[in-house]
């Protein structure tokens, strides 16, 4: 019985921990002045509940870009789906990551794009789609 309780606790906490490294940097980005942030919220016209939210962070900061790449690498094992492409063409290094995490709240889609041609410029996009259960409550 004790094993079952431990397993249930680990299942319920794992979605929270799934993208912990990325979320830690997102919190830091939200506090900075040199970051461009845009937020789009779509709502159901009848219920006014959120159908999805898109938050985008844009900046030029090579150190932060390196930290984001490390965070994506650390959190990869917790994804439902992980797509990544890092390529070097004509001396230009392009990094593209797209990770999907699933929790009781819904699906989180994290995308990171950057090119060495732009010297540390990156765009991080987070798309949140609430679960059907959460949508029905609202």
C-alpha atoms as a PDB file:
ATOM      1  CA  UNK A   1       0.000   0.000   0.000  1.00  0.00           C
ATOM      2  CA  UNK A   2       2.852   2.385   0.839  1.00  0.00           C
ATOM      3  CA  UNK A   3       4.385   1.773  -2.628  1.00  0.00           C
ATOM      4  CA  UNK A   4       1.076   2.597  -4.275  1.00  0.00           C
ATOM      5  CA  UNK A   5       0.827   5.875  -2.349  1.00  0.00           C
ATOM      6  CA  UNK A   6       4.377   6.830  -3.345  1.00  0.00           C
ATOM      7  CA  UNK A   7       3.663   5.984  -6.994  1.00  0.00           C
ATOM      8  CA  UNK A   8       0.479   8.077  -6.969  1.00  0.00           C
ATOM      9  CA  UNK A   9       2.308  11.013  -5.405  1.00  0.00           C
ATOM     10  CA  UNK A  10       5.068  10.840  -8.001  1.00  0.00           C
ATOM     11  CA  UNK A  11       2.531  10.686 -10.835  1.00  0.00           C
ATOM     12  CA  UNK A  12       0.647  13.711  -9.574  1.00  0.00           C
ATOM     13  CA  UNK A  13       3.780  15.821  -9.075  1.00  0.00           C
ATOM     14  CA  UNK A  14       5.634  14.865 -12.249  1.00  0.00           C
ATOM     15  CA  UNK A  15       3.714  17.243 -14.601  1.00  0.00           C
ATOM     16  CA  UNK A  16       4.661  20.132 -12.328  1.00  0.00           C
ATOM     17  CA  UNK A  17       8.313  19.111 -12.469  1.00  0.00           C
ATOM     18  CA  UNK A  18       8.289  18.192 -16.163  1.00  0.00           C
ATOM     19  CA  UNK A  19       9.442  21.518 -17.540  1.00  0.00           C
ATOM     20  CA  UNK A  20      10.979  22.890 -14.340  1.00  0.00           C
ATOM     21  CA  UNK A  21      14.260  24.013 -15.924  1.00  0.00           C
ATOM     22  CA  UNK A  22      12.529  25.849 -18.756  1.00  0.00           C
ATOM     23  CA  UNK A  23       9.940  27.402 -16.416  1.00  0.00           C
ATOM     24  CA  UNK A  24      12.683  28.654 -14.095  1.00  0.00           C
ATOM     25  CA  UNK A  25      14.165  30.628 -17.002  1.00  0.00           C
ATOM     26  CA  UNK A  26      10.714  31.794 -18.127  1.00  0.00           C
ATOM     27  CA  UNK A  27      10.213  33.306 -14.654  1.00  0.00           C
ATOM     28  CA  UNK A  28      13.542  35.096 -15.050  1.00  0.00           C
ATOM     29  CA  UNK A  29      12.580  36.356 -18.525  1.00  0.00           C
ATOM     30  CA  UNK A  30       9.318  37.777 -17.169  1.00  0.00           C
ATOM     31  CA  UNK A  31      11.266  39.933 -14.693  1.00  0.00           C
ATOM     32  CA  UNK A  32      13.686  41.432 -17.217  1.00  0.00           C
ATOM     33  CA  UNK A  33      13.322  44.799 -18.917  1.00  0.00           C
ATOM     34  CA  UNK A  34      15.206  43.886 -22.098  1.00  0.00           C
ATOM     35  CA  UNK A  35      12.739  41.172 -23.144  1.00  0.00           C
ATOM     36  CA  UNK A  36       9.883  41.718 -25.574  1.00  0.00           C
ATOM     37  CA  UNK A  37       6.835  39.754 -24.391  1.00  0.00           C
ATOM     38  CA  UNK A  38       3.602  39.263 -26.279  1.00  0.00           C
ATOM     39  CA  UNK A  39       0.522  37.418 -25.038  1.00  0.00           C
ATOM     40  CA  UNK A  40      -2.470  36.258 -27.043  1.00  0.00           C
ATOM     41  CA  UNK A  41      -5.447  34.752 -25.225  1.00  0.00           C
ATOM     42  CA  UNK A  42      -8.283  33.092 -27.119  1.00  0.00           C
ATOM     43  CA  UNK A  43     -11.613  32.525 -25.371  1.00  0.00           C
ATOM     44  CA  UNK A  44     -14.769  30.571 -25.996  1.00  0.00           C
ATOM     45  CA  UNK A  45     -17.398  33.243 -26.831  1.00  0.00           C
ATOM     46  CA  UNK A  46     -20.132  31.449 -24.878  1.00  0.00           C
ATOM     47  CA  UNK A  47     -18.287  30.450 -21.706  1.00  0.00           C
ATOM     48  CA  UNK A  48     -15.488  33.070 -21.796  1.00  0.00           C
ATOM     49  CA  UNK A  49     -13.147  30.215 -20.805  1.00  0.00           C
ATOM     50  CA  UNK A  50      -9.650  30.167 -22.250  1.00  0.00           C
ATOM     51  CA  UNK A  51      -9.305  27.951 -25.319  1.00  0.00           C
ATOM     52  CA  UNK A  52      -5.585  28.661 -25.653  1.00  0.00           C
ATOM     53  CA  UNK A  53      -2.871  31.141 -24.733  1.00  0.00           C
ATOM     54  CA  UNK A  54       0.251  32.000 -26.669  1.00  0.00           C
ATOM     55  CA  UNK A  55       3.120  33.787 -24.943  1.00  0.00           C
ATOM     56  CA  UNK A  56       6.229  34.792 -26.861  1.00  0.00           C
ATOM     57  CA  UNK A  57       9.526  36.095 -25.488  1.00  0.00           C
ATOM     58  CA  UNK A  58      12.002  37.735 -27.864  1.00  0.00           C
ATOM     59  CA  UNK A  59      15.445  39.031 -26.990  1.00  0.00           C
ATOM     60  CA  UNK A  60      19.077  39.188 -27.930  1.00  0.00           C
ATOM     61  CA  UNK A  61      21.068  37.672 -25.095  1.00  0.00           C
ATOM     62  CA  UNK A  62      23.628  34.993 -25.898  1.00  0.00           C
ATOM     63  CA  UNK A  63      23.988  33.905 -22.259  1.00  0.00           C
ATOM     64  CA  UNK A  64      20.234  33.483 -21.838  1.00  0.00           C
ATOM     65  CA  UNK A  65      20.034  31.612 -25.132  1.00  0.00           C
ATOM     66  CA  UNK A  66      22.712  29.194 -23.914  1.00  0.00           C
ATOM     67  CA  UNK A  67      20.834  28.722 -20.636  1.00  0.00           C
ATOM     68  CA  UNK A  68      17.588  28.051 -22.510  1.00  0.00           C
ATOM     69  CA  UNK A  69      19.275  25.426 -24.699  1.00  0.00           C
ATOM     70  CA  UNK A  70      20.623  23.700 -21.559  1.00  0.00           C
ATOM     71  CA  UNK A  71      17.170  23.830 -19.946  1.00  0.00           C
ATOM     72  CA  UNK A  72      15.543  22.300 -23.022  1.00  0.00           C
ATOM     73  CA  UNK A  73      18.150  19.527 -23.011  1.00  0.00           C
ATOM     74  CA  UNK A  74      17.563  18.799 -19.309  1.00  0.00           C
ATOM     75  CA  UNK A  75      13.757  18.729 -19.627  1.00  0.00           C
ATOM     76  CA  UNK A  76      13.640  16.608 -22.779  1.00  0.00           C
ATOM     77  CA  UNK A  77      13.152  13.315 -20.956  1.00  0.00           C
ATOM     78  CA  UNK A  78       9.878  14.593 -19.441  1.00  0.00           C
ATOM     79  CA  UNK A  79       8.244  15.570 -22.731  1.00  0.00           C
ATOM     80  CA  UNK A  80       5.375  13.805 -24.388  1.00  0.00           C
ATOM     81  CA  UNK A  81       6.874  14.817 -27.727  1.00  0.00           C
ATOM     82  CA  UNK A  82      10.329  16.268 -28.383  1.00  0.00           C
ATOM     83  CA  UNK A  83      11.390  17.664 -31.734  1.00  0.00           C
ATOM     84  CA  UNK A  84      14.769  19.280 -32.056  1.00  0.00           C
ATOM     85  CA  UNK A  85      16.955  20.406 -34.859  1.00  0.00           C
ATOM     86  CA  UNK A  86      20.396  21.859 -34.508  1.00  0.00           C
ATOM     87  CA  UNK A  87      22.223  22.349 -37.752  1.00  0.00           C
ATOM     88  CA  UNK A  88      25.159  24.248 -39.084  1.00  0.00           C
ATOM     89  CA  UNK A  89      24.991  25.520 -42.645  1.00  0.00           C
ATOM     90  CA  UNK A  90      27.598  27.834 -44.150  1.00  0.00           C
ATOM     91  CA  UNK A  91      28.942  28.565 -40.669  1.00  0.00           C
ATOM     92  CA  UNK A  92      25.516  29.542 -39.321  1.00  0.00           C
ATOM     93  CA  UNK A  93      24.275  27.497 -36.375  1.00  0.00           C
ATOM     94  CA  UNK A  94      20.477  27.196 -36.211  1.00  0.00           C
ATOM     95  CA  UNK A  95      18.709  25.787 -33.140  1.00  0.00           C
ATOM     96  CA  UNK A  96      15.051  24.802 -33.128  1.00  0.00           C
ATOM     97  CA  UNK A  97      13.370  22.930 -30.301  1.00  0.00           C
ATOM     98  CA  UNK A  98       9.691  22.077 -29.937  1.00  0.00           C
ATOM     99  CA  UNK A  99       8.603  20.193 -26.833  1.00  0.00           C
ATOM    100  CA  UNK A 100       5.105  19.178 -25.773  1.00  0.00           C
ATOM    101  CA  UNK A 101       4.334  18.516 -22.118  1.00  0.00           C
ATOM    102  CA  UNK A 102       1.034  17.144 -20.848  1.00  0.00           C
ATOM    103  CA  UNK A 103      -0.448  17.723 -17.405  1.00  0.00           C
ATOM    104  CA  UNK A 104      -3.871  17.646 -15.791  1.00  0.00           C
ATOM    105  CA  UNK A 105      -4.185  21.348 -16.679  1.00  0.00           C
ATOM    106  CA  UNK A 106      -3.645  20.686 -20.383  1.00  0.00           C
ATOM    107  CA  UNK A 107      -0.916  20.673 -23.018  1.00  0.00           C
ATOM    108  CA  UNK A 108       2.059  23.012 -23.024  1.00  0.00           C
ATOM    109  CA  UNK A 109       3.979  23.471 -26.257  1.00  0.00           C
ATOM    110  CA  UNK A 110       7.397  25.133 -25.889  1.00  0.00           C
ATOM    111  CA  UNK A 111       9.312  26.272 -28.978  1.00  0.00           C
ATOM    112  CA  UNK A 112      12.771  27.833 -29.011  1.00  0.00           C
ATOM    113  CA  UNK A 113      14.299  29.235 -32.193  1.00  0.00           C
ATOM    114  CA  UNK A 114      17.624  30.928 -32.742  1.00  0.00           C
ATOM    115  CA  UNK A 115      20.381  31.427 -35.285  1.00  0.00           C
ATOM    116  CA  UNK A 116      24.038  32.266 -34.706  1.00  0.00           C
ATOM    117  CA  UNK A 117      23.698  34.710 -37.604  1.00  0.00           C
ATOM    118  CA  UNK A 118      21.692  36.938 -35.266  1.00  0.00           C
ATOM    119  CA  UNK A 119      24.254  36.681 -32.412  1.00  0.00           C
ATOM    120  CA  UNK A 120      22.163  35.449 -29.474  1.00  0.00           C
ATOM    121  CA  UNK A 121      18.763  36.563 -30.705  1.00  0.00           C
ATOM    122  CA  UNK A 122      16.091  34.057 -29.760  1.00  0.00           C
ATOM    123  CA  UNK A 123      12.353  33.583 -29.674  1.00  0.00           C
ATOM    124  CA  UNK A 124      10.697  31.377 -27.075  1.00  0.00           C
ATOM    125  CA  UNK A 125       7.006  30.607 -27.593  1.00  0.00           C
ATOM    126  CA  UNK A 126       4.768  28.847 -25.093  1.00  0.00           C
ATOM    127  CA  UNK A 127       1.339  27.662 -26.215  1.00  0.00           C
ATOM    128  CA  UNK A 128      -1.080  26.465 -23.550  1.00  0.00           C
ATOM    129  CA  UNK A 129      -4.189  24.480 -24.426  1.00  0.00           C
ATOM    130  CA  UNK A 130      -6.327  23.680 -21.345  1.00  0.00           C
ATOM    131  CA  UNK A 131      -7.531  20.130 -20.924  1.00  0.00           C
ATOM    132  CA  UNK A 132     -11.083  19.338 -21.963  1.00  0.00           C
ATOM    133  CA  UNK A 133     -12.021  18.783 -18.280  1.00  0.00           C
ATOM    134  CA  UNK A 134     -10.740  22.227 -17.339  1.00  0.00           C
ATOM    135  CA  UNK A 135     -12.582  23.821 -20.286  1.00  0.00           C
ATOM    136  CA  UNK A 136     -15.831  22.157 -19.241  1.00  0.00           C
ATOM    137  CA  UNK A 137     -15.561  23.556 -15.694  1.00  0.00           C
ATOM    138  CA  UNK A 138     -15.270  27.123 -17.018  1.00  0.00           C
END
